Amino acid sequence: MADLDVLVEGGVLQLTLNRPDVFNAMTAEMADDVARLVEEATARDDVRVVLVTGTGPAFSTGADISGADAHEHFDVTALDRANRIIRAIVNLDKPVVAAVNGVAAGVGCSAALAADIVVATESASFLLAFARIGLMPDGGTSATVAASVGRARAMRMALLGEPLSGREAYEAGLVSHLASDADLHDVVESVVRRVARGAPLAQAATKKAVNAATLPGLEAALDRERTGQTILLRTDDAAEGMRAFNQQRHPEFRGR
């Protein structure tokens, strides 16, 4: 499968994003494959837990907006793909673990934070980079981040585009586990093994109950984000933000 490594072993479905040369930026095909495989895990008796991780220095920097004319091709279908991933992770009746080995930005950050258990390395970082390109948070992060770290920290991350390191994310309650870079594999293996040995029906009921209590507005958030992002994608500021990103310069936003 192009740019996505898939392994099923010991009750674990491991999905490894594998475009390290571009920090695992997601193509349309990658995003569709991730969503489909998580959705299909519901009916798989050989899968007790899903593990999502990345190769190289990043977990994923989000949707691929490379190219000089990215703003002409990047539209709401990319957002729909992101939302499909989030819904698949949250609605799956099995635990999902994210092993964040580096930078998690954009939909990469959204997908990681939608997981039930998040293991981050010290060198990892979590970034809502949307403001840097004239867009707003999506992938449900307007709900998931605020539910974890509170309104004030969520606003800081979203409006200022400030990243949280792995340790800061752990101390703020954004992720569940922290590991040194050298120990990530061992920590993730231990967590995944424990989850895979758990009682499936109890895990499904627990996941449903906790999500209902902490993310009751997720669907409404996804709808709001889709509406807002659809409008923003048509603005000159978004086009300028994407051009500036690809030209490695600071954007000049003009509010139109």
Protein backbone atom coordinates (compact mmCIF):
# COMPACT_ATOMS: atom_id res chain seq x y z
CA MET A 1 0.00 0.00 0.00
CA ALA A 2 1.60 3.25 -1.13
CA ASP A 3 3.13 5.31 1.70
CA LEU A 4 1.33 3.33 4.41
CA ASP A 5 2.75 0.20 6.03
CA VAL A 6 0.16 -2.20 7.41
CA LEU A 7 0.92 -5.01 9.86
CA VAL A 8 -1.41 -7.25 11.85
CA GLU A 9 0.27 -9.20 14.61
CA GLY A 10 -0.76 -10.37 18.07
CA GLY A 11 -4.16 -8.67 17.84
CA VAL A 12 -2.62 -5.34 16.86
CA LEU A 13 -3.33 -3.55 13.59
CA GLN A 14 -0.35 -1.25 13.11
CA LEU A 15 -0.61 1.57 10.57
CA THR A 16 2.69 3.32 9.92
CA LEU A 17 2.71 6.51 7.88
CA ASN A 18 5.72 6.18 5.60
CA ARG A 19 6.59 9.37 3.72
CA PRO A 20 9.52 10.45 5.90
CA ASP A 21 11.02 12.66 3.19
CA VAL A 22 8.00 15.00 3.51
CA PHE A 23 7.40 14.43 7.24
CA ASN A 24 4.57 11.98 6.52
CA ALA A 25 2.34 14.64 4.99
CA MET A 26 -0.83 12.83 3.96
CA THR A 27 -1.86 12.40 0.37
CA ALA A 28 -5.52 11.83 -0.45
CA GLU A 29 -4.81 8.12 -0.93
CA MET A 30 -3.06 7.83 2.44
CA ALA A 31 -5.89 9.56 4.26
CA ASP A 32 -8.49 7.35 2.59
CA ASP A 33 -6.50 4.20 3.39
CA VAL A 34 -6.08 5.13 7.07
CA ALA A 35 -9.80 5.86 7.48
CA ARG A 36 -10.86 2.71 5.63
CA LEU A 37 -8.56 0.40 7.58
CA VAL A 38 -9.69 1.81 10.93
CA GLU A 39 -13.33 1.50 9.88
CA GLU A 40 -12.81 -2.10 8.74
CA ALA A 41 -11.14 -2.99 12.05
CA THR A 42 -14.59 -3.15 13.64
CA ALA A 43 -15.38 -6.40 11.83
CA ARG A 44 -11.94 -8.00 12.23
CA ASP A 45 -11.70 -10.73 14.85
CA ASP A 46 -7.90 -10.68 14.56
CA VAL A 47 -7.70 -7.03 15.67
CA ARG A 48 -8.06 -6.02 19.32
CA VAL A 49 -6.31 -2.64 19.14
CA VAL A 50 -5.20 -0.23 16.42
CA LEU A 51 -1.78 1.45 16.59
CA VAL A 52 -0.98 4.49 14.44
CA THR A 53 2.55 5.87 14.14
CA GLY A 54 4.98 7.43 11.69
CA THR A 55 8.46 6.93 10.32
CA GLY A 56 11.36 9.35 10.43
CA PRO A 57 11.35 12.67 12.30
CA ALA A 58 7.58 13.23 12.21
CA PHE A 59 4.32 11.56 13.10
CA SER A 60 2.59 13.57 10.39
CA THR A 61 2.58 17.24 9.42
CA GLY A 62 -0.96 16.96 8.09
CA ALA A 63 -2.40 17.26 4.61
CA ASP A 64 0.10 17.64 1.80
CA ILE A 65 -0.06 21.28 0.68
CA SER A 66 3.21 21.28 -1.21
CA GLY A 67 3.45 22.80 -4.66
CA ALA A 68 3.27 26.35 -5.96
CA ASP A 69 -0.45 26.08 -6.82
CA ALA A 70 -1.55 24.14 -3.73
CA HIS A 71 -4.22 26.72 -2.90
CA GLU A 72 -5.95 25.97 -6.22
CA HIS A 73 -6.29 22.25 -5.47
CA PHE A 74 -6.64 22.13 -1.69
CA ASP A 75 -10.36 22.22 -1.00
CA VAL A 76 -13.00 20.92 1.37
CA THR A 77 -12.54 17.34 0.17
CA ALA A 78 -9.29 17.29 2.16
CA LEU A 79 -11.26 18.33 5.24
CA ASP A 80 -13.83 15.61 4.59
CA ARG A 81 -11.01 13.07 4.47
CA ALA A 82 -9.63 14.37 7.76
CA ASN A 83 -13.05 14.21 9.39
CA ARG A 84 -13.51 10.66 8.15
CA ILE A 85 -10.29 9.66 9.94
CA ILE A 86 -11.42 11.33 13.17
CA ARG A 87 -14.85 9.71 13.07
CA ALA A 88 -13.30 6.32 12.33
CA ILE A 89 -10.95 6.57 15.32
CA VAL A 90 -13.53 7.88 17.78
CA ASN A 91 -16.35 5.57 16.66
CA LEU A 92 -14.28 2.39 16.48
CA ASP A 93 -15.39 0.03 19.24
CA LYS A 94 -11.76 -0.92 19.92
CA PRO A 95 -8.98 1.13 21.50
CA VAL A 96 -6.77 3.23 19.24
CA VAL A 97 -3.22 4.07 20.33
CA ALA A 98 -1.16 6.84 18.71
CA ALA A 99 2.62 6.59 19.03
CA VAL A 100 3.78 10.13 18.31
CA ASN A 101 7.43 9.88 17.34
CA GLY A 102 7.93 13.49 16.22
CA VAL A 103 6.02 16.47 14.89
CA ALA A 104 2.22 16.13 14.79
CA ALA A 105 0.60 19.04 12.96
CA GLY A 106 -2.61 19.71 11.08
CA VAL A 107 -4.63 16.57 10.52
CA GLY A 108 -1.67 14.63 11.92
CA CYS A 109 -2.23 16.38 15.24
CA SER A 110 -5.99 15.93 14.91
CA ALA A 111 -5.68 12.19 14.31
CA ALA A 112 -3.22 11.68 17.16
CA LEU A 113 -5.41 13.53 19.66
CA ALA A 114 -8.51 11.61 18.58
CA ALA A 115 -6.83 8.39 19.73
CA ASP A 116 -7.76 6.86 23.06
CA ILE A 117 -4.18 6.56 24.30
CA VAL A 118 -1.38 8.83 23.09
CA VAL A 119 2.27 7.99 23.73
CA ALA A 120 4.60 10.87 22.86
CA THR A 121 8.36 11.14 22.82
CA GLU A 122 10.26 13.95 24.51
CA SER A 123 11.13 15.28 21.04
CA ALA A 124 7.54 15.16 19.79
CA SER A 125 5.57 18.34 19.27
CA PHE A 126 1.87 19.06 18.81
CA LEU A 127 1.00 21.97 16.57
CA LEU A 128 -2.28 23.47 15.40
CA ALA A 129 -0.58 25.13 12.44
CA PHE A 130 -3.77 26.23 10.68
CA ALA A 131 -3.48 29.88 11.74
CA ARG A 132 -0.10 30.07 10.04
CA ILE A 133 -1.72 29.52 6.64
CA GLY A 134 -4.90 31.53 7.15
CA LEU A 135 -7.12 28.65 8.19
CA MET A 136 -8.84 27.45 11.38
CA PRO A 137 -8.38 24.23 13.39
CA ASP A 138 -10.21 21.24 12.00
CA GLY A 139 -10.33 17.49 12.46
CA GLY A 140 -12.30 18.05 15.65
CA THR A 141 -9.41 19.76 17.46
CA SER A 142 -11.61 22.68 18.48
CA ALA A 143 -13.29 20.07 20.70
CA THR A 144 -10.58 17.51 21.52
CA VAL A 145 -7.86 19.99 22.50
CA ALA A 146 -10.14 22.12 24.67
CA ALA A 147 -11.52 18.98 26.34
CA SER A 148 -7.98 17.97 27.31
CA VAL A 149 -6.18 21.20 28.18
CA GLY A 150 -8.94 23.78 28.68
CA ARG A 151 -10.07 26.83 26.75
CA ALA A 152 -7.14 29.11 27.54
CA ARG A 153 -4.43 26.70 26.38
CA ALA A 154 -6.51 25.64 23.38
CA MET A 155 -6.87 29.28 22.30
CA ARG A 156 -3.14 29.80 22.70
CA MET A 157 -2.35 26.81 20.52
CA ALA A 158 -4.98 27.68 17.92
CA LEU A 159 -4.60 31.45 17.62
CA LEU A 160 -0.85 31.74 18.07
CA GLY A 161 0.12 28.48 16.43
CA GLU A 162 2.38 27.66 19.37
CA PRO A 163 3.55 24.04 19.54
CA LEU A 164 3.60 21.97 22.70
CA SER A 165 6.59 19.69 23.20
CA GLY A 166 6.00 16.09 24.15
CA ARG A 167 6.72 16.88 27.79
CA GLU A 168 4.53 20.00 27.77
CA ALA A 169 1.72 18.03 26.17
CA TYR A 170 2.04 15.33 28.83
CA GLU A 171 2.11 17.82 31.71
CA ALA A 172 -0.89 19.67 30.25
CA GLY A 173 -2.92 16.47 29.98
CA LEU A 174 -2.98 16.42 26.19
CA VAL A 175 -1.33 12.98 25.97
CA SER A 176 -1.45 9.98 28.28
CA HIS A 177 2.16 8.73 28.20
CA LEU A 178 5.62 10.25 27.79
CA ALA A 179 8.68 8.30 26.65
CA SER A 180 12.25 9.11 25.82
CA ASP A 181 13.06 8.82 22.15
CA ALA A 182 15.09 5.68 22.86
CA ASP A 183 12.30 4.05 24.90
CA LEU A 184 9.33 4.82 22.63
CA HIS A 185 9.16 1.34 21.12
CA ASP A 186 9.27 -0.40 24.49
CA VAL A 187 6.69 1.89 26.08
CA VAL A 188 4.32 1.55 23.13
CA GLU A 189 4.75 -2.22 23.03
CA SER A 190 3.96 -2.46 26.73
CA VAL A 191 0.85 -0.27 26.42
CA VAL A 192 -0.44 -2.02 23.31
CA ARG A 193 0.16 -5.48 24.82
CA ARG A 194 -1.85 -4.56 27.92
CA VAL A 195 -4.69 -3.16 25.84
CA ALA A 196 -4.73 -6.17 23.52
CA ARG A 197 -5.14 -8.46 26.57
CA GLY A 198 -8.08 -6.46 27.89
CA ALA A 199 -11.76 -7.38 27.84
CA PRO A 200 -13.09 -6.21 24.45
CA LEU A 201 -16.69 -5.60 25.49
CA ALA A 202 -15.65 -3.65 28.58
CA GLN A 203 -13.19 -1.60 26.53
CA ALA A 204 -15.84 -0.77 23.95
CA ALA A 205 -18.30 0.31 26.65
CA THR A 206 -15.62 2.35 28.44
CA LYS A 207 -14.51 4.14 25.30
CA LYS A 208 -18.11 4.98 24.38
CA ALA A 209 -18.89 6.29 27.87
CA VAL A 210 -15.75 8.43 28.23
CA ASN A 211 -16.15 9.94 24.76
CA ALA A 212 -19.81 10.70 25.44
CA ALA A 213 -18.88 12.46 28.68
CA THR A 214 -15.90 14.43 27.36
CA LEU A 215 -16.67 14.95 23.66
CA PRO A 216 -20.46 15.36 23.49
CA GLY A 217 -20.07 18.18 20.99
CA LEU A 218 -17.61 16.51 18.63
CA GLU A 219 -20.04 16.07 15.74
CA ALA A 220 -21.19 19.67 16.05
CA ALA A 221 -17.54 20.78 16.17
CA LEU A 222 -16.74 18.84 13.00
CA ASP A 223 -19.70 20.49 11.27
CA ARG A 224 -18.71 23.98 12.45
CA GLU A 225 -15.12 23.43 11.39
CA ARG A 226 -16.22 22.22 7.97
CA THR A 227 -18.39 25.29 7.43
CA GLY A 228 -15.74 27.71 8.63
CA GLN A 229 -12.93 26.06 6.74
CA THR A 230 -14.96 25.96 3.52
CA ILE A 231 -15.31 29.73 3.69
CA LEU A 232 -11.68 30.33 4.67
CA LEU A 233 -10.35 28.16 1.85
CA ARG A 234 -11.83 30.64 -0.61
CA THR A 235 -10.05 33.65 0.87
CA ASP A 236 -6.98 35.47 -0.40
CA ASP A 237 -5.41 34.99 3.04
CA ALA A 238 -5.53 31.19 2.71
CA ALA A 239 -3.99 31.36 -0.75
CA GLU A 240 -1.27 33.67 0.57
CA GLY A 241 -0.68 31.39 3.56
CA MET A 242 -0.12 28.34 1.37
CA ARG A 243 2.11 30.26 -1.04
CA ALA A 244 4.17 31.58 1.86
CA PHE A 245 4.45 28.08 3.33
CA ASN A 246 5.86 26.69 0.09
CA GLN A 247 8.15 29.70 -0.40
CA GLN A 248 9.37 29.43 3.21
CA ARG A 249 8.53 33.02 4.13
CA HIS A 250 6.18 34.81 6.49
CA PRO A 251 2.70 35.38 5.01
CA GLU A 252 1.21 38.83 4.64
CA PHE A 253 -2.43 38.50 5.62
CA ARG A 254 -4.81 41.30 4.58
CA GLY A 255 -8.13 40.07 5.94
CA ARG A 256 -9.74 39.23 2.67
